Amino acid sequence: MDSRQRRTQEKLFSAILELARDRAAGDITASETAAKAEVNRSTFYEHAESPAHLLRAALRSEMLAIQDKNYDDVPEHTNGNNLRATHDVLDHIEKYASIYSRGLGRNDDTSLHSMLSGVFSATVRHMIETDLIALPDTLKESPGAEALARFLGDGTVGIVDAWLAGPEPRSHDRFIEMYAAVVPGWWPFQTD
């Protein structure tokens, strides 16, 4: 993607994130998203097939940047990366709390559930592939690692959804307590 396309994508991401704060992506049109981003409607369709697709791409892009920052762009992997990444993810989710609350399955639109689960599952796969996780023998045989990635991906989304539905102000520490209570004891996750 060249710099012009990247700037256009950033404008579209910004526009959809702003519009989606107040209503579901299914209620937002491509035309109003393009107008908000100050691009043509045809340009919108060069970047996304729908406002919901664009919203998932925008949120996924930020989540992948968090993964890069905490796992790919650091010289040494440690369990502390998991805790830093968790705080960064929670900051992201809180920033877009109204969007995630609407899109994680308590209503009809579950598209954000699959997007978030995919990001979390990919993180688990990355941790397995880079030997950040010492799998127990029962998970070393196929499809054990994939089952773990999908289980933790979907389960983490469930905890996020419950945390968002809880009372405000939301506490990162409370999320981490809940998460630490449900992940396996061998999972590399420090709470201090």
Protein backbone atom coordinates (compact mmCIF):
# COMPACT_ATOMS: atom_id res chain seq x y z
CA MET A 1 0.00 0.00 0.00
CA ASP A 2 1.49 3.34 -1.02
CA SER A 3 1.50 6.41 1.23
CA ARG A 4 -1.54 7.98 -0.46
CA GLN A 5 -3.60 4.82 0.02
CA ARG A 6 -2.39 4.58 3.62
CA ARG A 7 -3.51 8.16 4.35
CA THR A 8 -6.90 7.44 2.78
CA GLN A 9 -7.22 4.27 4.84
CA GLU A 10 -6.36 6.20 8.00
CA LYS A 11 -9.04 8.80 7.18
CA LEU A 12 -11.60 6.05 6.58
CA PHE A 13 -10.62 4.27 9.80
CA SER A 14 -10.95 7.50 11.76
CA ALA A 15 -14.34 8.24 10.19
CA ILE A 16 -15.85 4.81 10.87
CA LEU A 17 -14.54 4.73 14.44
CA GLU A 18 -16.13 8.10 15.11
CA LEU A 19 -19.45 7.16 13.50
CA ALA A 20 -19.58 3.76 15.23
CA ARG A 21 -19.26 5.27 18.70
CA ASP A 22 -22.95 6.18 18.63
CA ARG A 23 -24.57 3.44 16.55
CA ALA A 24 -24.12 0.00 15.10
CA ALA A 25 -22.01 -0.39 11.98
CA GLY A 26 -25.02 -1.91 10.24
CA ASP A 27 -26.80 1.43 10.60
CA ILE A 28 -23.96 3.40 9.00
CA THR A 29 -23.80 3.84 5.23
CA ALA A 30 -20.78 3.80 2.96
CA SER A 31 -21.79 7.24 1.67
CA GLU A 32 -21.78 8.88 5.09
CA THR A 33 -18.51 7.18 6.01
CA ALA A 34 -16.92 8.45 2.78
CA ALA A 35 -18.28 11.96 3.39
CA LYS A 36 -16.95 11.96 6.97
CA ALA A 37 -13.53 10.84 5.66
CA GLU A 38 -13.71 13.41 2.84
CA VAL A 39 -13.25 10.78 0.13
CA ASN A 40 -15.41 9.57 -2.73
CA ARG A 41 -17.82 6.70 -2.24
CA SER A 42 -15.92 4.73 -4.87
CA THR A 43 -12.75 5.25 -2.82
CA PHE A 44 -14.55 3.79 0.19
CA TYR A 45 -15.24 0.62 -1.80
CA GLU A 46 -11.58 0.37 -2.80
CA HIS A 47 -10.84 -0.10 0.91
CA ALA A 48 -13.86 -2.00 2.26
CA GLU A 49 -16.96 -3.84 1.17
CA SER A 50 -19.14 -2.31 3.91
CA PRO A 51 -18.97 -0.04 6.96
CA ALA A 52 -19.02 -3.14 9.21
CA HIS A 53 -16.05 -4.57 7.29
CA LEU A 54 -14.21 -1.24 7.60
CA LEU A 55 -14.92 -1.09 11.34
CA ARG A 56 -13.51 -4.59 11.88
CA ALA A 57 -10.43 -3.65 9.83
CA ALA A 58 -9.87 -0.46 11.81
CA LEU A 59 -10.13 -2.17 15.19
CA ARG A 60 -8.07 -5.15 14.02
CA SER A 61 -5.36 -2.80 12.77
CA GLU A 62 -5.03 -1.23 16.22
CA MET A 63 -5.01 -4.65 17.89
CA LEU A 64 -2.26 -5.89 15.57
CA ALA A 65 -0.21 -2.78 16.35
CA ILE A 66 -0.47 -3.71 20.04
CA GLN A 67 0.75 -7.23 19.23
CA ASP A 68 3.65 -5.86 17.19
CA LYS A 69 4.64 -3.49 19.98
CA ASN A 70 4.56 -6.15 22.68
CA TYR A 71 5.77 -9.24 20.85
CA ASP A 72 7.30 -8.58 17.44
CA ASP A 73 9.19 -5.35 18.10
CA VAL A 74 10.90 -6.41 21.33
CA PRO A 75 14.31 -8.08 21.41
CA GLU A 76 13.41 -10.63 24.09
CA HIS A 77 10.11 -12.30 24.90
CA THR A 78 9.16 -12.46 28.57
CA ASN A 79 6.03 -13.18 30.56
CA GLY A 80 5.96 -9.45 31.31
CA ASN A 81 5.11 -8.87 27.64
CA ASN A 82 1.80 -10.66 28.24
CA LEU A 83 0.87 -8.32 31.07
CA ARG A 84 1.91 -5.18 29.17
CA ALA A 85 0.01 -6.39 26.11
CA THR A 86 -3.06 -7.05 28.28
CA HIS A 87 -3.01 -3.50 29.64
CA ASP A 88 -2.58 -2.10 26.13
CA VAL A 89 -5.48 -4.22 24.83
CA LEU A 90 -7.68 -3.10 27.73
CA ASP A 91 -6.83 0.53 27.03
CA HIS A 92 -7.85 -0.03 23.39
CA ILE A 93 -11.10 -1.75 24.40
CA GLU A 94 -11.96 1.02 26.86
CA LYS A 95 -11.26 3.65 24.22
CA TYR A 96 -13.89 1.98 22.02
CA ALA A 97 -16.10 0.58 24.80
CA SER A 98 -19.35 1.67 23.18
CA ILE A 99 -18.36 -0.02 19.91
CA TYR A 100 -17.26 -3.27 21.54
CA SER A 101 -20.24 -3.38 23.90
CA ARG A 102 -22.58 -3.19 20.93
CA GLY A 103 -20.65 -5.63 18.77
CA LEU A 104 -19.64 -8.51 21.04
CA GLY A 105 -22.76 -10.60 20.98
CA ARG A 106 -25.22 -9.19 23.47
CA ASN A 107 -27.09 -7.89 20.43
CA ASP A 108 -27.52 -9.32 16.93
CA ASP A 109 -24.13 -8.24 15.56
CA THR A 110 -21.39 -10.72 16.52
CA SER A 111 -18.90 -9.64 13.90
CA LEU A 112 -16.58 -8.08 16.46
CA HIS A 113 -16.53 -11.30 18.44
CA SER A 114 -14.98 -13.20 15.52
CA MET A 115 -12.52 -10.37 14.79
CA LEU A 116 -11.32 -10.16 18.39
CA SER A 117 -11.21 -13.92 18.79
CA GLY A 118 -9.13 -14.15 15.63
CA VAL A 119 -6.62 -11.61 16.93
CA PHE A 120 -6.37 -13.31 20.34
CA SER A 121 -6.07 -16.78 18.75
CA ALA A 122 -3.33 -15.51 16.41
CA THR A 123 -1.45 -14.16 19.42
CA VAL A 124 -1.62 -17.57 21.09
CA ARG A 125 -0.40 -19.25 17.88
CA HIS A 126 2.46 -16.74 17.69
CA MET A 127 3.41 -17.51 21.28
CA ILE A 128 3.40 -21.24 20.54
CA GLU A 129 5.42 -20.86 17.33
CA THR A 130 8.05 -18.69 19.05
CA ASP A 131 8.30 -21.05 22.04
CA LEU A 132 6.90 -18.55 24.52
CA ILE A 133 4.61 -21.31 25.71
CA ALA A 134 5.74 -24.73 26.83
CA LEU A 135 2.73 -26.82 25.88
CA PRO A 136 1.82 -29.79 28.04
CA ASP A 137 2.25 -33.12 26.24
CA THR A 138 -1.50 -33.54 25.75
CA LEU A 139 -1.57 -30.42 23.55
CA LYS A 140 1.58 -31.13 21.51
CA GLU A 141 -0.23 -33.61 19.27
CA SER A 142 -2.52 -32.19 16.59
CA PRO A 143 -4.99 -30.52 16.95
CA GLY A 144 -4.00 -29.61 20.54
CA ALA A 145 -2.22 -26.31 19.85
CA GLU A 146 -5.00 -25.12 17.55
CA ALA A 147 -7.63 -26.14 20.10
CA LEU A 148 -5.79 -24.12 22.73
CA ALA A 149 -5.52 -21.07 20.46
CA ARG A 150 -9.21 -21.13 19.63
CA PHE A 151 -10.29 -21.88 23.21
CA LEU A 152 -8.25 -19.00 24.62
CA GLY A 153 -9.26 -16.67 21.76
CA ASP A 154 -12.98 -17.21 22.27
CA GLY A 155 -12.66 -17.36 26.05
CA THR A 156 -10.80 -14.07 26.19
CA VAL A 157 -13.57 -12.43 24.18
CA GLY A 158 -16.06 -13.78 26.73
CA ILE A 159 -14.10 -12.22 29.58
CA VAL A 160 -13.83 -8.92 27.67
CA ASP A 161 -17.60 -8.93 27.08
CA ALA A 162 -18.35 -9.64 30.76
CA TRP A 163 -15.85 -7.00 31.86
CA LEU A 164 -17.45 -4.39 29.58
CA ALA A 165 -20.89 -5.26 30.97
CA GLY A 166 -19.64 -4.78 34.53
CA PRO A 167 -19.79 -1.61 36.57
CA GLU A 168 -17.78 1.48 35.72
CA PRO A 169 -15.12 2.52 36.29
CA ARG A 170 -13.67 -0.65 34.88
CA SER A 171 -10.55 -1.97 36.55
CA HIS A 172 -7.68 -3.53 34.63
CA ASP A 173 -6.77 -5.36 37.81
CA ARG A 174 -10.25 -6.92 37.96
CA PHE A 175 -9.96 -8.10 34.35
CA ILE A 176 -6.52 -9.59 35.06
CA GLU A 177 -7.83 -11.35 38.20
CA MET A 178 -10.68 -12.91 36.20
CA TYR A 179 -8.34 -13.88 33.36
CA ALA A 180 -5.72 -15.38 35.67
CA ALA A 181 -8.45 -17.42 37.41
CA VAL A 182 -9.59 -19.11 34.18
CA VAL A 183 -6.38 -19.70 32.19
CA PRO A 184 -4.45 -22.92 32.83
CA GLY A 185 -1.85 -22.76 35.58
CA TRP A 186 0.96 -23.41 33.09
CA TRP A 187 -0.06 -20.41 30.94
CA PRO A 188 2.73 -17.75 31.04
CA PHE A 189 0.78 -14.92 32.67
CA GLN A 190 2.10 -12.98 35.61
CA THR A 191 -0.23 -10.88 37.69
CA ASP A 192 2.44 -8.92 39.53
